[in-house]
C-alpha atoms as a PDB file:
ATOM      1  CA  UNK A   1     -39.187   4.427 -72.710  1.00  0.00           C
ATOM      2  CA  UNK A   2     -36.817   6.977 -71.589  1.00  0.00           C
ATOM      3  CA  UNK A   3     -36.614   8.500 -68.184  1.00  0.00           C
ATOM      4  CA  UNK A   4     -37.483  12.105 -67.969  1.00  0.00           C
ATOM      5  CA  UNK A   5     -34.558  14.473 -67.548  1.00  0.00           C
ATOM      6  CA  UNK A   6     -34.128  15.445 -63.919  1.00  0.00           C
ATOM      7  CA  UNK A   7     -31.714  18.070 -62.819  1.00  0.00           C
ATOM      8  CA  UNK A   8     -28.484  16.402 -61.693  1.00  0.00           C
ATOM      9  CA  UNK A   9     -28.503  15.538 -57.969  1.00  0.00           C
ATOM     10  CA  UNK A  10     -25.494  14.943 -55.830  1.00  0.00           C
ATOM     11  CA  UNK A  11     -26.290  11.665 -54.128  1.00  0.00           C
ATOM     12  CA  UNK A  12     -23.325  11.572 -51.596  1.00  0.00           C
ATOM     13  CA  UNK A  13     -23.435  15.128 -50.220  1.00  0.00           C
ATOM     14  CA  UNK A  14     -25.578  14.296 -47.173  1.00  0.00           C
ATOM     15  CA  UNK A  15     -23.284  11.455 -46.133  1.00  0.00           C
ATOM     16  CA  UNK A  16     -20.219  13.688 -46.496  1.00  0.00           C
ATOM     17  CA  UNK A  17     -21.851  16.402 -44.375  1.00  0.00           C
ATOM     18  CA  UNK A  18     -22.744  13.900 -41.625  1.00  0.00           C
ATOM     19  CA  UNK A  19     -19.192  12.489 -41.607  1.00  0.00           C
ATOM     20  CA  UNK A  20     -17.679  15.981 -41.401  1.00  0.00           C
ATOM     21  CA  UNK A  21     -20.012  16.887 -38.539  1.00  0.00           C
ATOM     22  CA  UNK A  22     -19.143  13.668 -36.648  1.00  0.00           C
ATOM     23  CA  UNK A  23     -15.429  14.279 -37.191  1.00  0.00           C
ATOM     24  CA  UNK A  24     -15.703  17.772 -35.699  1.00  0.00           C
ATOM     25  CA  UNK A  25     -17.760  16.440 -32.804  1.00  0.00           C
ATOM     26  CA  UNK A  26     -15.189  13.730 -31.996  1.00  0.00           C
ATOM     27  CA  UNK A  27     -12.332  16.256 -32.231  1.00  0.00           C
ATOM     28  CA  UNK A  28     -14.076  18.505 -29.699  1.00  0.00           C
ATOM     29  CA  UNK A  29     -14.742  15.495 -27.478  1.00  0.00           C
ATOM     30  CA  UNK A  30     -11.069  14.474 -27.681  1.00  0.00           C
ATOM     31  CA  UNK A  31      -9.895  17.943 -26.657  1.00  0.00           C
ATOM     32  CA  UNK A  32     -12.327  18.050 -23.742  1.00  0.00           C
ATOM     33  CA  UNK A  33     -11.257  14.571 -22.622  1.00  0.00           C
ATOM     34  CA  UNK A  34      -7.568  15.521 -22.771  1.00  0.00           C
ATOM     35  CA  UNK A  35      -8.235  18.672 -20.744  1.00  0.00           C
ATOM     36  CA  UNK A  36     -10.213  16.738 -18.113  1.00  0.00           C
ATOM     37  CA  UNK A  37      -7.495  14.087 -17.879  1.00  0.00           C
ATOM     38  CA  UNK A  38      -4.818  16.735 -17.361  1.00  0.00           C
ATOM     39  CA  UNK A  39      -6.904  18.437 -14.680  1.00  0.00           C
ATOM     40  CA  UNK A  40      -7.566  15.179 -12.827  1.00  0.00           C
ATOM     41  CA  UNK A  41      -3.871  14.230 -13.027  1.00  0.00           C
ATOM     42  CA  UNK A  42      -2.863  17.623 -11.634  1.00  0.00           C
ATOM     43  CA  UNK A  43      -5.355  17.301  -8.774  1.00  0.00           C
ATOM     44  CA  UNK A  44      -4.019  13.835  -7.901  1.00  0.00           C
ATOM     45  CA  UNK A  45      -0.416  15.089  -7.942  1.00  0.00           C
ATOM     46  CA  UNK A  46      -1.312  18.031  -5.699  1.00  0.00           C
ATOM     47  CA  UNK A  47      -3.173  15.718  -3.337  1.00  0.00           C
ATOM     48  CA  UNK A  48      -0.183  13.343  -3.098  1.00  0.00           C
ATOM     49  CA  UNK A  49       2.214  16.245  -2.485  1.00  0.00           C
ATOM     50  CA  UNK A  50      -0.076  17.672   0.204  1.00  0.00           C
ATOM     51  CA  UNK A  51      -0.195  14.265   1.912  1.00  0.00           C
ATOM     52  CA  UNK A  52       3.595  13.984   1.822  1.00  0.00           C
ATOM     53  CA  UNK A  53       4.060  17.477   3.252  1.00  0.00           C
ATOM     54  CA  UNK A  54       1.430  16.851   5.906  1.00  0.00           C
ATOM     55  CA  UNK A  55       3.624  14.150   7.460  1.00  0.00           C
ATOM     56  CA  UNK A  56       6.713  16.360   7.424  1.00  0.00           C
ATOM     57  CA  UNK A  57       4.805  19.289   8.885  1.00  0.00           C
ATOM     58  CA  UNK A  58       3.338  17.086  11.617  1.00  0.00           C
ATOM     59  CA  UNK A  59       6.823  15.812  12.490  1.00  0.00           C
ATOM     60  CA  UNK A  60       8.193  19.360  12.672  1.00  0.00           C
ATOM     61  CA  UNK A  61       5.254  20.395  14.859  1.00  0.00           C
ATOM     62  CA  UNK A  62       6.036  17.569  17.291  1.00  0.00           C
ATOM     63  CA  UNK A  63       9.705  18.607  17.247  1.00  0.00           C
ATOM     64  CA  UNK A  64       8.806  22.196  18.089  1.00  0.00           C
ATOM     65  CA  UNK A  65       6.629  20.931  20.915  1.00  0.00           C
ATOM     66  CA  UNK A  66       9.630  18.976  22.223  1.00  0.00           C
ATOM     67  CA  UNK A  67      11.790  22.104  22.157  1.00  0.00           C
ATOM     68  CA  UNK A  68       9.151  23.854  24.266  1.00  0.00           C
ATOM     69  CA  UNK A  69       9.502  21.182  26.962  1.00  0.00           C
ATOM     70  CA  UNK A  70      13.264  21.644  27.232  1.00  0.00           C
ATOM     71  CA  UNK A  71      16.512  21.089  25.373  1.00  0.00           C
ATOM     72  CA  UNK A  72      18.318  17.896  24.361  1.00  0.00           C
ATOM     73  CA  UNK A  73      20.803  16.697  26.972  1.00  0.00           C
ATOM     74  CA  UNK A  74      24.360  17.906  26.360  1.00  0.00           C
ATOM     75  CA  UNK A  75      25.796  14.373  26.557  1.00  0.00           C
ATOM     76  CA  UNK A  76      23.498  13.233  23.725  1.00  0.00           C
ATOM     77  CA  UNK A  77      24.612  15.903  21.258  1.00  0.00           C
ATOM     78  CA  UNK A  78      26.821  14.688  18.412  1.00  0.00           C
ATOM     79  CA  UNK A  79      29.082  16.806  16.267  1.00  0.00           C
ATOM     80  CA  UNK A  80      27.606  17.296  12.829  1.00  0.00           C
ATOM     81  CA  UNK A  81      29.919  19.461  10.799  1.00  0.00           C
ATOM     82  CA  UNK A  82      30.440  22.636  12.809  1.00  0.00           C
ATOM     83  CA  UNK A  83      27.160  22.277  14.704  1.00  0.00           C
ATOM     84  CA  UNK A  84      26.094  20.113  17.592  1.00  0.00           C
ATOM     85  CA  UNK A  85      23.021  18.089  16.743  1.00  0.00           C
ATOM     86  CA  UNK A  86      20.588  15.654  18.284  1.00  0.00           C
ATOM     87  CA  UNK A  87      18.865  13.073  16.093  1.00  0.00           C
ATOM     88  CA  UNK A  88      15.757  11.069  16.952  1.00  0.00           C
ATOM     89  CA  UNK A  89      13.068   9.193  15.049  1.00  0.00           C
ATOM     90  CA  UNK A  90       9.364   9.794  15.275  1.00  0.00           C
ATOM     91  CA  UNK A  91       6.282   7.948  13.997  1.00  0.00           C
ATOM     92  CA  UNK A  92       3.653  10.186  12.391  1.00  0.00           C
ATOM     93  CA  UNK A  93       0.189   9.043  11.356  1.00  0.00           C
ATOM     94  CA  UNK A  94      -1.301  10.780   8.317  1.00  0.00           C
ATOM     95  CA  UNK A  95      -3.532   8.129   6.825  1.00  0.00           C
ATOM     96  CA  UNK A  96      -0.666   5.634   7.208  1.00  0.00           C
ATOM     97  CA  UNK A  97       2.090   5.305   9.780  1.00  0.00           C
ATOM     98  CA  UNK A  98       5.278   6.974   8.519  1.00  0.00           C
ATOM     99  CA  UNK A  99       8.566   7.230  10.402  1.00  0.00           C
ATOM    100  CA  UNK A 100      10.567  10.464  10.231  1.00  0.00           C
ATOM    101  CA  UNK A 101      13.970  11.440  11.533  1.00  0.00           C
ATOM    102  CA  UNK A 102      14.107  14.737  13.407  1.00  0.00           C
ATOM    103  CA  UNK A 103      17.443  16.538  13.388  1.00  0.00           C
ATOM    104  CA  UNK A 104      17.873  19.251  16.023  1.00  0.00           C
ATOM    105  CA  UNK A 105      20.941  21.404  15.276  1.00  0.00           C
ATOM    106  CA  UNK A 106      22.196  23.903  17.797  1.00  0.00           C
ATOM    107  CA  UNK A 107      23.152  27.089  15.999  1.00  0.00           C
ATOM    108  CA  UNK A 108      25.847  29.472  17.201  1.00  0.00           C
ATOM    109  CA  UNK A 109      24.759  32.168  19.619  1.00  0.00           C
ATOM    110  CA  UNK A 110      24.668  35.638  18.042  1.00  0.00           C
ATOM    111  CA  UNK A 111      27.259  38.098  19.318  1.00  0.00           C
ATOM    112  CA  UNK A 112      25.054  40.624  21.048  1.00  0.00           C
ATOM    113  CA  UNK A 113      22.908  38.349  23.177  1.00  0.00           C
ATOM    114  CA  UNK A 114      19.209  39.054  22.764  1.00  0.00           C
ATOM    115  CA  UNK A 115      17.268  40.052  25.823  1.00  0.00           C
ATOM    116  CA  UNK A 116      15.899  37.663  27.070  1.00  0.00           C
ATOM    117  CA  UNK A 117      18.480  35.111  25.927  1.00  0.00           C
ATOM    118  CA  UNK A 118      17.017  32.385  23.787  1.00  0.00           C
ATOM    119  CA  UNK A 119      18.278  29.080  22.501  1.00  0.00           C
ATOM    120  CA  UNK A 120      18.974  28.825  18.795  1.00  0.00           C
ATOM    121  CA  UNK A 121      18.017  25.558  17.191  1.00  0.00           C
ATOM    122  CA  UNK A 122      17.359  24.453  13.638  1.00  0.00           C
ATOM    123  CA  UNK A 123      14.850  21.629  13.149  1.00  0.00           C
ATOM    124  CA  UNK A 124      14.693  19.365  10.097  1.00  0.00           C
ATOM    125  CA  UNK A 125      12.386  16.410   9.416  1.00  0.00           C
ATOM    126  CA  UNK A 126      13.436  13.832   6.811  1.00  0.00           C
ATOM    127  CA  UNK A 127      11.960  10.418   5.988  1.00  0.00           C
ATOM    128  CA  UNK A 128      13.506   7.692   8.129  1.00  0.00           C
ATOM    129  CA  UNK A 129      16.229   5.637   6.444  1.00  0.00           C
ATOM    130  CA  UNK A 130      17.017   2.478   8.447  1.00  0.00           C
ATOM    131  CA  UNK A 131      20.535   2.215   6.998  1.00  0.00           C
ATOM    132  CA  UNK A 132      21.626   5.782   7.642  1.00  0.00           C
ATOM    133  CA  UNK A 133      19.730   6.287  10.907  1.00  0.00           C
ATOM    134  CA  UNK A 134      20.491   2.925  12.504  1.00  0.00           C
ATOM    135  CA  UNK A 135      21.553   4.131  15.969  1.00  0.00           C
ATOM    136  CA  UNK A 136      19.011   6.942  16.271  1.00  0.00           C
ATOM    137  CA  UNK A 137      17.137   7.388  19.542  1.00  0.00           C
ATOM    138  CA  UNK A 138      13.520   6.320  19.756  1.00  0.00           C
ATOM    139  CA  UNK A 139      10.523   8.577  20.039  1.00  0.00           C
ATOM    140  CA  UNK A 140      10.573  10.917  23.024  1.00  0.00           C
ATOM    141  CA  UNK A 141       7.748  12.839  24.622  1.00  0.00           C
ATOM    142  CA  UNK A 142       9.789  15.480  26.468  1.00  0.00           C
ATOM    143  CA  UNK A 143      13.296  16.833  26.758  1.00  0.00           C
ATOM    144  CA  UNK A 144      14.905  17.508  30.072  1.00  0.00           C
ATOM    145  CA  UNK A 145      14.045  21.040  31.167  1.00  0.00           C
ATOM    146  CA  UNK A 146      17.087  23.340  31.206  1.00  0.00           C
ATOM    147  CA  UNK A 147      18.808  23.448  34.564  1.00  0.00           C
ATOM    148  CA  UNK A 148      18.701  26.858  36.134  1.00  0.00           C
ATOM    149  CA  UNK A 149      22.113  27.991  37.259  1.00  0.00           C
ATOM    150  CA  UNK A 150      22.089  29.436  40.761  1.00  0.00           C
ATOM    151  CA  UNK A 151      23.236  33.009  40.985  1.00  0.00           C
END
């Protein structure tokens, strides 16, 4: 006996459609995963940079507070290029204990003196290097107040 004639079916079309749909789904998932990974990496990098700058900013804040208490002693100033400078180290805690070197540079006085006269200092905070900053003074809490000259 012969089988009755049935219109020709395409037996693999459903499997092909499912595979195409899964391929598109995995491609979309891959793109979303890549985007999320890039975003998380960027957030981690920004967080690390913020933590690094937080230590430097804290060190500079302490240095500015020291300048408000007075000025470095004249006998402790070293010549650094054309400027006199005072160098000290400082321990800053921002999650971990980090040591910074504070460099106070006295800048030249401008020609017309401002009224009231002010001191001109530049302050820089750099990470402590034990080789370069071997003979640097330890942490200080105050500078000597400026001596008033009698009139």
